[in-house]
Amino acid sequence: MSIVDIQTVEGPEKVRLAGGKRFTLKTGEILIGESWVDPAHRGKGLYPAMLKQMIGDKVAYVVTTPDNISAQRAFLKAGFGQVFSYRVLNILGWRIRL
């Protein structure tokens, strides 16, 4: 079992996020998607360290929900900043980007 699991998409690739937000990854850019740290190893700085090692000098984007404060904190520690944000409202199966 992994202590840290990080899934990525490498450019060039067109990416569509929840709510319909679209952007294109250029060659050499990566999108970090689903990722987690084993609960027994959280709070030890492993995630930011793994992100820094994995990304190196590439341009990378991450996606998180507004309520995932621990992930946002880890991204900040790894040197990320906010590029854009949006909200998705789900009403009876319809996803509306605000």
C-alpha atoms as a PDB file:
ATOM      1  CA  MET A   1       0.000   0.000   0.000  1.00  0.00           C
ATOM      2  CA  SER A   2       1.261   3.474  -0.888  1.00  0.00           C
ATOM      3  CA  ILE A   3       1.884   6.141   1.699  1.00  0.00           C
ATOM      4  CA  VAL A   4       1.303   8.869  -0.914  1.00  0.00           C
ATOM      5  CA  ASP A   5      -0.683   8.440  -4.144  1.00  0.00           C
ATOM      6  CA  ILE A   6      -0.618  11.200  -6.775  1.00  0.00           C
ATOM      7  CA  GLN A   7      -2.347  10.929 -10.152  1.00  0.00           C
ATOM      8  CA  THR A   8      -1.290  13.223 -12.981  1.00  0.00           C
ATOM      9  CA  VAL A   9      -2.124  14.161 -16.569  1.00  0.00           C
ATOM     10  CA  GLU A  10       0.746  15.400 -18.741  1.00  0.00           C
ATOM     11  CA  GLY A  11       0.434  17.860 -21.617  1.00  0.00           C
ATOM     12  CA  PRO A  12      -0.256  18.396 -24.359  1.00  0.00           C
ATOM     13  CA  GLU A  13      -3.802  17.542 -23.323  1.00  0.00           C
ATOM     14  CA  LYS A  14      -7.183  19.278 -23.230  1.00  0.00           C
ATOM     15  CA  VAL A  15      -8.612  19.078 -19.725  1.00  0.00           C
ATOM     16  CA  ARG A  16     -12.192  19.537 -18.579  1.00  0.00           C
ATOM     17  CA  LEU A  17     -12.782  20.016 -14.874  1.00  0.00           C
ATOM     18  CA  ALA A  18     -15.991  19.580 -12.903  1.00  0.00           C
ATOM     19  CA  GLY A  19     -18.477  22.274 -13.788  1.00  0.00           C
ATOM     20  CA  GLY A  20     -17.216  22.579 -17.353  1.00  0.00           C
ATOM     21  CA  LYS A  21     -14.060  24.646 -16.773  1.00  0.00           C
ATOM     22  CA  ARG A  22     -11.697  23.831 -19.652  1.00  0.00           C
ATOM     23  CA  PHE A  23      -8.071  24.547 -20.303  1.00  0.00           C
ATOM     24  CA  THR A  24      -5.236  23.081 -22.333  1.00  0.00           C
ATOM     25  CA  LEU A  25      -2.057  21.727 -20.815  1.00  0.00           C
ATOM     26  CA  LYS A  26       0.959  22.578 -22.911  1.00  0.00           C
ATOM     27  CA  THR A  27       3.851  20.193 -23.475  1.00  0.00           C
ATOM     28  CA  GLY A  28       5.800  19.890 -20.227  1.00  0.00           C
ATOM     29  CA  GLU A  29       2.865  20.962 -18.022  1.00  0.00           C
ATOM     30  CA  ILE A  30       1.051  18.600 -15.682  1.00  0.00           C
ATOM     31  CA  LEU A  31      -2.264  18.525 -13.854  1.00  0.00           C
ATOM     32  CA  ILE A  32      -2.297  16.892 -10.445  1.00  0.00           C
ATOM     33  CA  GLY A  33      -5.663  15.288  -9.786  1.00  0.00           C
ATOM     34  CA  GLU A  34      -6.785  12.744  -7.240  1.00  0.00           C
ATOM     35  CA  SER A  35      -4.191  12.330  -4.534  1.00  0.00           C
ATOM     36  CA  TRP A  36      -4.016  11.314  -0.901  1.00  0.00           C
ATOM     37  CA  VAL A  37      -1.709  10.535   1.994  1.00  0.00           C
ATOM     38  CA  ASP A  38      -2.199   7.525   4.259  1.00  0.00           C
ATOM     39  CA  PRO A  39      -3.814   8.823   7.488  1.00  0.00           C
ATOM     40  CA  ALA A  40      -0.987   7.338   9.585  1.00  0.00           C
ATOM     41  CA  HIS A  41       1.525   9.559   7.737  1.00  0.00           C
ATOM     42  CA  ARG A  42      -0.383  12.848   7.477  1.00  0.00           C
ATOM     43  CA  GLY A  43       1.044  16.017   8.993  1.00  0.00           C
ATOM     44  CA  LYS A  44       4.650  15.008   8.351  1.00  0.00           C
ATOM     45  CA  GLY A  45       5.247  17.137   5.250  1.00  0.00           C
ATOM     46  CA  LEU A  46       5.406  14.133   2.904  1.00  0.00           C
ATOM     47  CA  TYR A  47       2.878  15.429   0.389  1.00  0.00           C
ATOM     48  CA  PRO A  48       4.538  18.814  -0.280  1.00  0.00           C
ATOM     49  CA  ALA A  49       7.927  17.074  -0.507  1.00  0.00           C
ATOM     50  CA  MET A  50       6.593  14.508  -2.998  1.00  0.00           C
ATOM     51  CA  LEU A  51       4.967  17.250  -5.087  1.00  0.00           C
ATOM     52  CA  LYS A  52       8.209  19.244  -5.249  1.00  0.00           C
ATOM     53  CA  GLN A  53      10.230  16.159  -6.225  1.00  0.00           C
ATOM     54  CA  MET A  54       7.703  14.987  -8.822  1.00  0.00           C
ATOM     55  CA  ILE A  55       7.210  18.386 -10.457  1.00  0.00           C
ATOM     56  CA  GLY A  56      10.803  19.563 -10.576  1.00  0.00           C
ATOM     57  CA  ASP A  57      10.971  22.525 -12.970  1.00  0.00           C
ATOM     58  CA  LYS A  58       7.706  21.748 -14.812  1.00  0.00           C
ATOM     59  CA  VAL A  59       4.636  23.969 -14.744  1.00  0.00           C
ATOM     60  CA  ALA A  60       1.961  22.162 -12.723  1.00  0.00           C
ATOM     61  CA  TYR A  61      -1.663  22.762 -11.827  1.00  0.00           C
ATOM     62  CA  VAL A  62      -3.639  21.266  -8.965  1.00  0.00           C
ATOM     63  CA  VAL A  63      -7.357  21.086  -8.335  1.00  0.00           C
ATOM     64  CA  THR A  64      -9.042  21.082  -4.945  1.00  0.00           C
ATOM     65  CA  THR A  65     -12.404  21.850  -3.446  1.00  0.00           C
ATOM     66  CA  PRO A  66     -12.900  24.989  -1.328  1.00  0.00           C
ATOM     67  CA  ASP A  67     -13.440  22.922   1.837  1.00  0.00           C
ATOM     68  CA  ASN A  68     -10.226  20.875   1.474  1.00  0.00           C
ATOM     69  CA  ILE A  69      -8.090  23.142   3.632  1.00  0.00           C
ATOM     70  CA  SER A  70      -5.399  20.541   4.359  1.00  0.00           C
ATOM     71  CA  ALA A  71      -4.762  20.006   0.626  1.00  0.00           C
ATOM     72  CA  GLN A  72      -4.635  23.760   0.031  1.00  0.00           C
ATOM     73  CA  ARG A  73      -2.107  24.112   2.851  1.00  0.00           C
ATOM     74  CA  ALA A  74       0.050  21.346   1.324  1.00  0.00           C
ATOM     75  CA  PHE A  75      -0.092  23.012  -2.101  1.00  0.00           C
ATOM     76  CA  LEU A  76       1.014  26.333  -0.608  1.00  0.00           C
ATOM     77  CA  LYS A  77       3.924  24.588   1.165  1.00  0.00           C
ATOM     78  CA  ALA A  78       4.935  23.075  -2.173  1.00  0.00           C
ATOM     79  CA  GLY A  79       5.034  26.538  -3.771  1.00  0.00           C
ATOM     80  CA  PHE A  80       1.685  26.663  -5.581  1.00  0.00           C
ATOM     81  CA  GLY A  81      -0.463  29.777  -5.887  1.00  0.00           C
ATOM     82  CA  GLN A  82      -4.073  30.250  -6.974  1.00  0.00           C
ATOM     83  CA  VAL A  83      -4.614  30.695 -10.729  1.00  0.00           C
ATOM     84  CA  PHE A  84      -8.400  30.560 -10.925  1.00  0.00           C
ATOM     85  CA  SER A  85     -11.358  29.430  -8.873  1.00  0.00           C
ATOM     86  CA  TYR A  86     -14.992  28.639  -9.506  1.00  0.00           C
ATOM     87  CA  ARG A  87     -17.953  27.038  -7.787  1.00  0.00           C
ATOM     88  CA  VAL A  88     -20.164  24.244  -9.041  1.00  0.00           C
ATOM     89  CA  LEU A  89     -23.804  24.077  -8.010  1.00  0.00           C
ATOM     90  CA  ASN A  90     -25.466  20.680  -8.442  1.00  0.00           C
ATOM     91  CA  ILE A  91     -29.267  20.877  -8.725  1.00  0.00           C
ATOM     92  CA  LEU A  92     -31.158  17.688  -9.580  1.00  0.00           C
ATOM     93  CA  GLY A  93     -28.230  16.370 -11.582  1.00  0.00           C
ATOM     94  CA  TRP A  94     -27.552  19.638 -13.431  1.00  0.00           C
ATOM     95  CA  ARG A  95     -24.073  21.033 -12.774  1.00  0.00           C
ATOM     96  CA  ILE A  96     -23.948  24.797 -12.994  1.00  0.00           C
ATOM     97  CA  ARG A  97     -20.625  26.640 -12.857  1.00  0.00           C
ATOM     98  CA  LEU A  98     -20.851  29.930 -10.956  1.00  0.00           C
END
